[in-house]
């Protein structure tokens, strides 16, 4: 299994006049923008301390941007709303191509996007790794109460690896345990307890040159083998 990803790659490395730097993150620490439900988004924005009315609007507008139709939700926005507002970018009516695309969603501000950007991705299976995910990502999941999430975060801080939902429920009081058990059918397919998918970003540059090359790859683990499932060079 892959562990402690932040320690795998050193800082910038010289190669003569050239330098390169790599970073890697567990995709299980983020929510897949193309797989989350409206309820997930509502819980996430509440956990991220976004005002309830605005969080509800953002959740519905994100779903309207992503779905294939032009029928808007009660507090959402579809193509006609963007045209009326003179927006330069219209809803995709399909999967988000990048997290940065959120900037064009009705209700999104630069400040909110900066706050939430690292908690989302457009890659991976959408499973959340309980051993690395931050508080607001964990709270977006069905059945994960604040008490349950606090217990998970204590385990993370103590470097205690949770290997199953049973181990997770053993950490929490009965009332919280019941909430998790009642949500098991929804929750279990959404959870991971090991790192299976990572996003690796490599940057290279020459001393004195403003030009940089950036390559992003998504790598998935299957048994003892790793597979590059997506890559892009900029």
C-alpha atoms as a PDB file:
ATOM      1  CA  UNK A   1       0.000   0.000   0.000  1.00  0.00           C
ATOM      2  CA  UNK A   2       0.986   3.612  -0.568  1.00  0.00           C
ATOM      3  CA  UNK A   3       1.469   5.581   2.641  1.00  0.00           C
ATOM      4  CA  UNK A   4       2.674   9.069   3.631  1.00  0.00           C
ATOM      5  CA  UNK A   5       2.613  10.431   0.098  1.00  0.00           C
ATOM      6  CA  UNK A   6       3.877  13.851   1.146  1.00  0.00           C
ATOM      7  CA  UNK A   7       7.193  12.281   2.134  1.00  0.00           C
ATOM      8  CA  UNK A   8       7.717  10.318  -1.079  1.00  0.00           C
ATOM      9  CA  UNK A   9       9.073  13.128  -3.216  1.00  0.00           C
ATOM     10  CA  UNK A  10      11.741  15.669  -2.191  1.00  0.00           C
ATOM     11  CA  UNK A  11      11.649  19.373  -2.945  1.00  0.00           C
ATOM     12  CA  UNK A  12      13.067  20.940  -6.138  1.00  0.00           C
ATOM     13  CA  UNK A  13      15.866  18.864  -7.635  1.00  0.00           C
ATOM     14  CA  UNK A  14      18.652  20.290  -9.877  1.00  0.00           C
ATOM     15  CA  UNK A  15      19.753  18.726 -13.146  1.00  0.00           C
ATOM     16  CA  UNK A  16      22.552  21.014 -14.347  1.00  0.00           C
ATOM     17  CA  UNK A  17      20.831  24.302 -15.222  1.00  0.00           C
ATOM     18  CA  UNK A  18      17.443  22.613 -15.171  1.00  0.00           C
ATOM     19  CA  UNK A  19      15.241  21.970 -12.170  1.00  0.00           C
ATOM     20  CA  UNK A  20      12.192  19.821 -11.562  1.00  0.00           C
ATOM     21  CA  UNK A  21       9.704  19.451  -8.750  1.00  0.00           C
ATOM     22  CA  UNK A  22       7.045  16.808  -8.132  1.00  0.00           C
ATOM     23  CA  UNK A  23       4.020  16.808  -5.887  1.00  0.00           C
ATOM     24  CA  UNK A  24       1.587  13.991  -5.219  1.00  0.00           C
ATOM     25  CA  UNK A  25      -1.771  13.798  -3.472  1.00  0.00           C
ATOM     26  CA  UNK A  26      -4.222  11.077  -2.622  1.00  0.00           C
ATOM     27  CA  UNK A  27      -7.372  11.622  -4.682  1.00  0.00           C
ATOM     28  CA  UNK A  28      -9.265  10.088  -1.777  1.00  0.00           C
ATOM     29  CA  UNK A  29      -8.637  13.298   0.156  1.00  0.00           C
ATOM     30  CA  UNK A  30     -10.926  15.224  -2.201  1.00  0.00           C
ATOM     31  CA  UNK A  31     -14.483  15.041  -3.516  1.00  0.00           C
ATOM     32  CA  UNK A  32     -14.957  14.201  -7.170  1.00  0.00           C
ATOM     33  CA  UNK A  33     -16.909  17.146  -8.562  1.00  0.00           C
ATOM     34  CA  UNK A  34     -18.552  14.922 -11.176  1.00  0.00           C
ATOM     35  CA  UNK A  35     -19.683  12.245  -8.731  1.00  0.00           C
ATOM     36  CA  UNK A  36     -20.884  14.117  -5.632  1.00  0.00           C
ATOM     37  CA  UNK A  37     -24.597  14.407  -5.050  1.00  0.00           C
ATOM     38  CA  UNK A  38     -26.498  17.577  -4.272  1.00  0.00           C
ATOM     39  CA  UNK A  39     -26.859  16.378  -0.673  1.00  0.00           C
ATOM     40  CA  UNK A  40     -23.085  15.805  -0.454  1.00  0.00           C
ATOM     41  CA  UNK A  41     -22.460  19.344  -1.652  1.00  0.00           C
ATOM     42  CA  UNK A  42     -24.961  20.767   0.813  1.00  0.00           C
ATOM     43  CA  UNK A  43     -23.247  18.996   3.705  1.00  0.00           C
ATOM     44  CA  UNK A  44     -19.827  20.036   2.423  1.00  0.00           C
ATOM     45  CA  UNK A  45     -20.681  23.749   2.176  1.00  0.00           C
ATOM     46  CA  UNK A  46     -22.206  23.667   5.664  1.00  0.00           C
ATOM     47  CA  UNK A  47     -18.999  22.075   6.991  1.00  0.00           C
ATOM     48  CA  UNK A  48     -16.927  24.688   5.136  1.00  0.00           C
ATOM     49  CA  UNK A  49     -18.824  27.441   6.991  1.00  0.00           C
ATOM     50  CA  UNK A  50     -20.570  28.747   3.878  1.00  0.00           C
ATOM     51  CA  UNK A  51     -23.864  30.475   4.757  1.00  0.00           C
ATOM     52  CA  UNK A  52     -26.768  28.049   4.442  1.00  0.00           C
ATOM     53  CA  UNK A  53     -28.650  29.939   1.724  1.00  0.00           C
ATOM     54  CA  UNK A  54     -25.512  30.433  -0.372  1.00  0.00           C
ATOM     55  CA  UNK A  55     -24.388  26.841   0.161  1.00  0.00           C
ATOM     56  CA  UNK A  56     -27.774  25.583  -1.013  1.00  0.00           C
ATOM     57  CA  UNK A  57     -27.607  27.828  -4.081  1.00  0.00           C
ATOM     58  CA  UNK A  58     -24.072  26.723  -4.937  1.00  0.00           C
ATOM     59  CA  UNK A  59     -24.973  23.039  -4.589  1.00  0.00           C
ATOM     60  CA  UNK A  60     -27.947  23.409  -6.955  1.00  0.00           C
ATOM     61  CA  UNK A  61     -26.049  25.572  -9.453  1.00  0.00           C
ATOM     62  CA  UNK A  62     -23.199  23.061  -9.584  1.00  0.00           C
ATOM     63  CA  UNK A  63     -25.647  20.252 -10.275  1.00  0.00           C
ATOM     64  CA  UNK A  64     -27.404  22.322 -12.966  1.00  0.00           C
ATOM     65  CA  UNK A  65     -24.036  23.070 -14.603  1.00  0.00           C
ATOM     66  CA  UNK A  66     -23.218  19.365 -14.692  1.00  0.00           C
ATOM     67  CA  UNK A  67     -26.526  17.758 -15.660  1.00  0.00           C
ATOM     68  CA  UNK A  68     -27.494  17.195 -19.286  1.00  0.00           C
ATOM     69  CA  UNK A  69     -30.732  19.185 -19.323  1.00  0.00           C
ATOM     70  CA  UNK A  70     -31.743  22.858 -19.200  1.00  0.00           C
ATOM     71  CA  UNK A  71     -34.344  22.418 -16.470  1.00  0.00           C
ATOM     72  CA  UNK A  72     -33.109  24.421 -13.515  1.00  0.00           C
ATOM     73  CA  UNK A  73     -33.489  23.516  -9.879  1.00  0.00           C
ATOM     74  CA  UNK A  74     -35.405  25.856  -7.560  1.00  0.00           C
ATOM     75  CA  UNK A  75     -32.275  27.810  -6.578  1.00  0.00           C
ATOM     76  CA  UNK A  76     -30.097  26.682  -9.469  1.00  0.00           C
ATOM     77  CA  UNK A  77     -29.192  28.248 -12.812  1.00  0.00           C
ATOM     78  CA  UNK A  78     -29.267  26.987 -16.375  1.00  0.00           C
ATOM     79  CA  UNK A  79     -28.265  28.334 -19.789  1.00  0.00           C
ATOM     80  CA  UNK A  80     -31.037  30.965 -19.966  1.00  0.00           C
ATOM     81  CA  UNK A  81     -29.961  32.438 -16.627  1.00  0.00           C
ATOM     82  CA  UNK A  82     -26.338  32.717 -17.746  1.00  0.00           C
ATOM     83  CA  UNK A  83     -27.362  34.320 -21.052  1.00  0.00           C
ATOM     84  CA  UNK A  84     -29.590  36.805 -19.226  1.00  0.00           C
ATOM     85  CA  UNK A  85     -26.698  37.724 -16.927  1.00  0.00           C
ATOM     86  CA  UNK A  86     -24.349  38.198 -19.900  1.00  0.00           C
ATOM     87  CA  UNK A  87     -22.015  35.429 -18.759  1.00  0.00           C
ATOM     88  CA  UNK A  88     -19.040  34.747 -21.005  1.00  0.00           C
ATOM     89  CA  UNK A  89     -19.151  31.008 -20.228  1.00  0.00           C
ATOM     90  CA  UNK A  90     -22.310  28.893 -20.380  1.00  0.00           C
ATOM     91  CA  UNK A  91     -23.047  25.696 -18.422  1.00  0.00           C
ATOM     92  CA  UNK A  92     -21.306  22.649 -19.803  1.00  0.00           C
ATOM     93  CA  UNK A  93     -24.335  20.345 -19.396  1.00  0.00           C
ATOM     94  CA  UNK A  94     -21.768  17.638 -18.824  1.00  0.00           C
ATOM     95  CA  UNK A  95     -18.931  16.712 -16.480  1.00  0.00           C
ATOM     96  CA  UNK A  96     -16.635  19.429 -15.183  1.00  0.00           C
ATOM     97  CA  UNK A  97     -13.342  19.423 -17.087  1.00  0.00           C
ATOM     98  CA  UNK A  98     -11.457  21.034 -14.197  1.00  0.00           C
ATOM     99  CA  UNK A  99     -12.062  22.346 -10.705  1.00  0.00           C
ATOM    100  CA  UNK A 100     -11.243  25.856 -11.986  1.00  0.00           C
ATOM    101  CA  UNK A 101     -14.450  25.679 -14.034  1.00  0.00           C
ATOM    102  CA  UNK A 102     -16.310  26.287 -10.764  1.00  0.00           C
ATOM    103  CA  UNK A 103     -15.317  29.946 -11.133  1.00  0.00           C
ATOM    104  CA  UNK A 104     -18.001  30.321 -13.831  1.00  0.00           C
ATOM    105  CA  UNK A 105     -20.830  28.811 -11.764  1.00  0.00           C
ATOM    106  CA  UNK A 106     -23.494  31.240 -10.536  1.00  0.00           C
ATOM    107  CA  UNK A 107     -22.903  32.160  -6.908  1.00  0.00           C
ATOM    108  CA  UNK A 108     -19.235  31.205  -6.846  1.00  0.00           C
ATOM    109  CA  UNK A 109     -16.786  33.929  -5.797  1.00  0.00           C
ATOM    110  CA  UNK A 110     -12.973  33.998  -6.010  1.00  0.00           C
ATOM    111  CA  UNK A 111     -12.805  33.915  -2.210  1.00  0.00           C
ATOM    112  CA  UNK A 112     -15.018  30.827  -1.924  1.00  0.00           C
ATOM    113  CA  UNK A 113     -13.202  29.038  -4.738  1.00  0.00           C
ATOM    114  CA  UNK A 114      -9.831  29.712  -3.112  1.00  0.00           C
ATOM    115  CA  UNK A 115     -11.206  28.286   0.136  1.00  0.00           C
ATOM    116  CA  UNK A 116     -12.627  25.066  -1.329  1.00  0.00           C
ATOM    117  CA  UNK A 117     -10.442  24.417  -4.346  1.00  0.00           C
ATOM    118  CA  UNK A 118      -8.174  21.794  -2.735  1.00  0.00           C
ATOM    119  CA  UNK A 119     -11.138  19.790  -1.489  1.00  0.00           C
ATOM    120  CA  UNK A 120     -12.304  18.922  -5.010  1.00  0.00           C
ATOM    121  CA  UNK A 121     -11.026  17.018  -8.004  1.00  0.00           C
ATOM    122  CA  UNK A 122     -12.401  15.860 -11.347  1.00  0.00           C
ATOM    123  CA  UNK A 123     -10.397  12.633 -11.273  1.00  0.00           C
ATOM    124  CA  UNK A 124     -10.760   9.244  -9.658  1.00  0.00           C
ATOM    125  CA  UNK A 125     -13.500   6.928  -8.506  1.00  0.00           C
ATOM    126  CA  UNK A 126     -15.003   9.373  -6.015  1.00  0.00           C
ATOM    127  CA  UNK A 127     -14.203   7.201  -2.996  1.00  0.00           C
ATOM    128  CA  UNK A 128     -13.061   9.127   0.077  1.00  0.00           C
ATOM    129  CA  UNK A 129     -10.064   7.752   1.995  1.00  0.00           C
ATOM    130  CA  UNK A 130     -10.993   8.174   5.660  1.00  0.00           C
ATOM    131  CA  UNK A 131      -7.338   7.993   6.664  1.00  0.00           C
ATOM    132  CA  UNK A 132      -6.348  11.167   4.805  1.00  0.00           C
ATOM    133  CA  UNK A 133      -9.493  13.200   4.050  1.00  0.00           C
ATOM    134  CA  UNK A 134      -9.939  16.564   5.835  1.00  0.00           C
ATOM    135  CA  UNK A 135     -12.837  17.405   8.113  1.00  0.00           C
ATOM    136  CA  UNK A 136     -15.144  19.108   5.607  1.00  0.00           C
ATOM    137  CA  UNK A 137     -14.731  16.311   3.058  1.00  0.00           C
ATOM    138  CA  UNK A 138     -15.564  13.674   5.677  1.00  0.00           C
ATOM    139  CA  UNK A 139     -18.586  15.663   6.856  1.00  0.00           C
ATOM    140  CA  UNK A 140     -19.997  15.667   3.320  1.00  0.00           C
ATOM    141  CA  UNK A 141     -20.554  11.906   3.513  1.00  0.00           C
ATOM    142  CA  UNK A 142     -23.913  10.444   4.582  1.00  0.00           C
ATOM    143  CA  UNK A 143     -23.982   9.317   8.200  1.00  0.00           C
ATOM    144  CA  UNK A 144     -20.711  11.014   9.135  1.00  0.00           C
ATOM    145  CA  UNK A 145     -21.641  13.168  12.118  1.00  0.00           C
ATOM    146  CA  UNK A 146     -19.275  15.711  13.715  1.00  0.00           C
ATOM    147  CA  UNK A 147     -18.549  13.248  16.538  1.00  0.00           C
ATOM    148  CA  UNK A 148     -17.648  10.518  14.054  1.00  0.00           C
ATOM    149  CA  UNK A 149     -15.430  12.854  12.074  1.00  0.00           C
ATOM    150  CA  UNK A 150     -13.694  14.060  15.231  1.00  0.00           C
ATOM    151  CA  UNK A 151     -12.895  10.434  16.061  1.00  0.00           C
ATOM    152  CA  UNK A 152     -11.483   9.854  12.577  1.00  0.00           C
ATOM    153  CA  UNK A 153      -9.351  12.990  12.779  1.00  0.00           C
ATOM    154  CA  UNK A 154      -7.953  11.883  16.141  1.00  0.00           C
ATOM    155  CA  UNK A 155      -6.998   8.576  14.556  1.00  0.00           C
ATOM    156  CA  UNK A 156      -5.324  10.428  11.682  1.00  0.00           C
ATOM    157  CA  UNK A 157      -3.368  12.626  14.107  1.00  0.00           C
ATOM    158  CA  UNK A 158      -2.208   9.541  15.992  1.00  0.00           C
ATOM    159  CA  UNK A 159      -1.157   7.812  12.736  1.00  0.00           C
ATOM    160  CA  UNK A 160      -3.691   5.079  13.462  1.00  0.00           C
ATOM    161  CA  UNK A 161      -4.752   3.415  10.243  1.00  0.00           C
ATOM    162  CA  UNK A 162      -8.449   2.542  10.066  1.00  0.00           C
ATOM    163  CA  UNK A 163      -8.915  -0.558   7.954  1.00  0.00           C
ATOM    164  CA  UNK A 164     -12.702  -0.948   7.887  1.00  0.00           C
ATOM    165  CA  UNK A 165     -16.035   0.643   8.658  1.00  0.00           C
ATOM    166  CA  UNK A 166     -16.242  -1.647  11.668  1.00  0.00           C
ATOM    167  CA  UNK A 167     -13.049  -0.130  13.077  1.00  0.00           C
ATOM    168  CA  UNK A 168     -14.441   3.337  12.462  1.00  0.00           C
ATOM    169  CA  UNK A 169     -17.727   2.659  14.267  1.00  0.00           C
ATOM    170  CA  UNK A 170     -15.832   1.189  17.215  1.00  0.00           C
ATOM    171  CA  UNK A 171     -14.341   4.630  17.864  1.00  0.00           C
ATOM    172  CA  UNK A 172     -17.626   6.466  18.340  1.00  0.00           C
ATOM    173  CA  UNK A 173     -20.456   6.527  20.921  1.00  0.00           C
ATOM    174  CA  UNK A 174     -23.657   4.546  20.322  1.00  0.00           C
ATOM    175  CA  UNK A 175     -25.786   7.415  18.982  1.00  0.00           C
ATOM    176  CA  UNK A 176     -23.175   8.293  16.371  1.00  0.00           C
ATOM    177  CA  UNK A 177     -22.657   4.623  15.602  1.00  0.00           C
ATOM    178  CA  UNK A 178     -26.364   4.276  14.837  1.00  0.00           C
ATOM    179  CA  UNK A 179     -26.196   7.166  12.348  1.00  0.00           C
ATOM    180  CA  UNK A 180     -23.343   5.458  10.506  1.00  0.00           C
ATOM    181  CA  UNK A 181     -25.022   2.045  10.564  1.00  0.00           C
ATOM    182  CA  UNK A 182     -28.267   3.522   9.209  1.00  0.00           C
ATOM    183  CA  UNK A 183     -26.323   5.103   6.327  1.00  0.00           C
ATOM    184  CA  UNK A 184     -24.167   2.029   5.615  1.00  0.00           C
ATOM    185  CA  UNK A 185     -25.779   1.237   2.247  1.00  0.00           C
ATOM    186  CA  UNK A 186     -24.959   4.737   0.981  1.00  0.00           C
ATOM    187  CA  UNK A 187     -21.705   5.161   2.859  1.00  0.00           C
ATOM    188  CA  UNK A 188     -19.799   1.929   2.288  1.00  0.00           C
ATOM    189  CA  UNK A 189     -19.417   2.256  -1.517  1.00  0.00           C
ATOM    190  CA  UNK A 190     -18.129   5.799  -0.968  1.00  0.00           C
ATOM    191  CA  UNK A 191     -15.318   4.913   1.444  1.00  0.00           C
ATOM    192  CA  UNK A 192     -11.736   3.751   0.984  1.00  0.00           C
ATOM    193  CA  UNK A 193      -9.276   2.821   3.692  1.00  0.00           C
ATOM    194  CA  UNK A 194      -6.111   2.794   1.587  1.00  0.00           C
ATOM    195  CA  UNK A 195      -4.628   4.954  -1.152  1.00  0.00           C
ATOM    196  CA  UNK A 196      -5.591   3.598  -4.567  1.00  0.00           C
ATOM    197  CA  UNK A 197      -5.468   6.688  -6.798  1.00  0.00           C
ATOM    198  CA  UNK A 198      -3.024   9.582  -6.807  1.00  0.00           C
ATOM    199  CA  UNK A 199      -2.559  12.780  -8.776  1.00  0.00           C
ATOM    200  CA  UNK A 200       1.075  13.556  -9.560  1.00  0.00           C
ATOM    201  CA  UNK A 201       2.124  16.998 -10.810  1.00  0.00           C
ATOM    202  CA  UNK A 202       5.639  17.484 -12.214  1.00  0.00           C
ATOM    203  CA  UNK A 203       7.097  20.882 -13.122  1.00  0.00           C
ATOM    204  CA  UNK A 204      10.360  21.562 -14.936  1.00  0.00           C
ATOM    205  CA  UNK A 205      12.199  24.809 -15.716  1.00  0.00           C
ATOM    206  CA  UNK A 206      15.560  26.319 -16.647  1.00  0.00           C
ATOM    207  CA  UNK A 207      17.376  28.877 -14.523  1.00  0.00           C
ATOM    208  CA  UNK A 208      16.697  32.384 -15.825  1.00  0.00           C
ATOM    209  CA  UNK A 209      13.836  31.279 -18.085  1.00  0.00           C
ATOM    210  CA  UNK A 210      10.190  32.186 -17.461  1.00  0.00           C
ATOM    211  CA  UNK A 211       9.050  29.084 -19.352  1.00  0.00           C
ATOM    212  CA  UNK A 212       7.858  26.114 -17.315  1.00  0.00           C
ATOM    213  CA  UNK A 213       6.617  22.703 -18.360  1.00  0.00           C
ATOM    214  CA  UNK A 214       3.944  21.111 -16.225  1.00  0.00           C
ATOM    215  CA  UNK A 215       2.705  17.560 -16.494  1.00  0.00           C
ATOM    216  CA  UNK A 216      -0.193  16.100 -14.536  1.00  0.00           C
ATOM    217  CA  UNK A 217      -0.894  12.389 -14.317  1.00  0.00           C
ATOM    218  CA  UNK A 218      -3.420  10.245 -12.494  1.00  0.00           C
ATOM    219  CA  UNK A 219      -2.020   6.927 -11.342  1.00  0.00           C
ATOM    220  CA  UNK A 220      -4.146   4.058 -10.046  1.00  0.00           C
ATOM    221  CA  UNK A 221      -2.916   1.025  -8.147  1.00  0.00           C
ATOM    222  CA  UNK A 222      -4.107  -2.461  -8.986  1.00  0.00           C
ATOM    223  CA  UNK A 223      -2.471  -5.048  -6.757  1.00  0.00           C
ATOM    224  CA  UNK A 224       1.270  -4.462  -7.036  1.00  0.00           C
ATOM    225  CA  UNK A 225       1.007  -2.662 -10.382  1.00  0.00           C
ATOM    226  CA  UNK A 226       0.468   1.049 -11.031  1.00  0.00           C
ATOM    227  CA  UNK A 227      -1.347   2.340 -14.123  1.00  0.00           C
ATOM    228  CA  UNK A 228      -1.345   5.834 -15.614  1.00  0.00           C
ATOM    229  CA  UNK A 229      -5.030   6.448 -16.327  1.00  0.00           C
ATOM    230  CA  UNK A 230      -4.794  10.076 -17.480  1.00  0.00           C
ATOM    231  CA  UNK A 231      -2.058  12.581 -18.274  1.00  0.00           C
ATOM    232  CA  UNK A 232      -1.670  16.106 -19.660  1.00  0.00           C
ATOM    233  CA  UNK A 233       1.343  18.281 -20.514  1.00  0.00           C
ATOM    234  CA  UNK A 234       1.146  22.075 -20.432  1.00  0.00           C
END
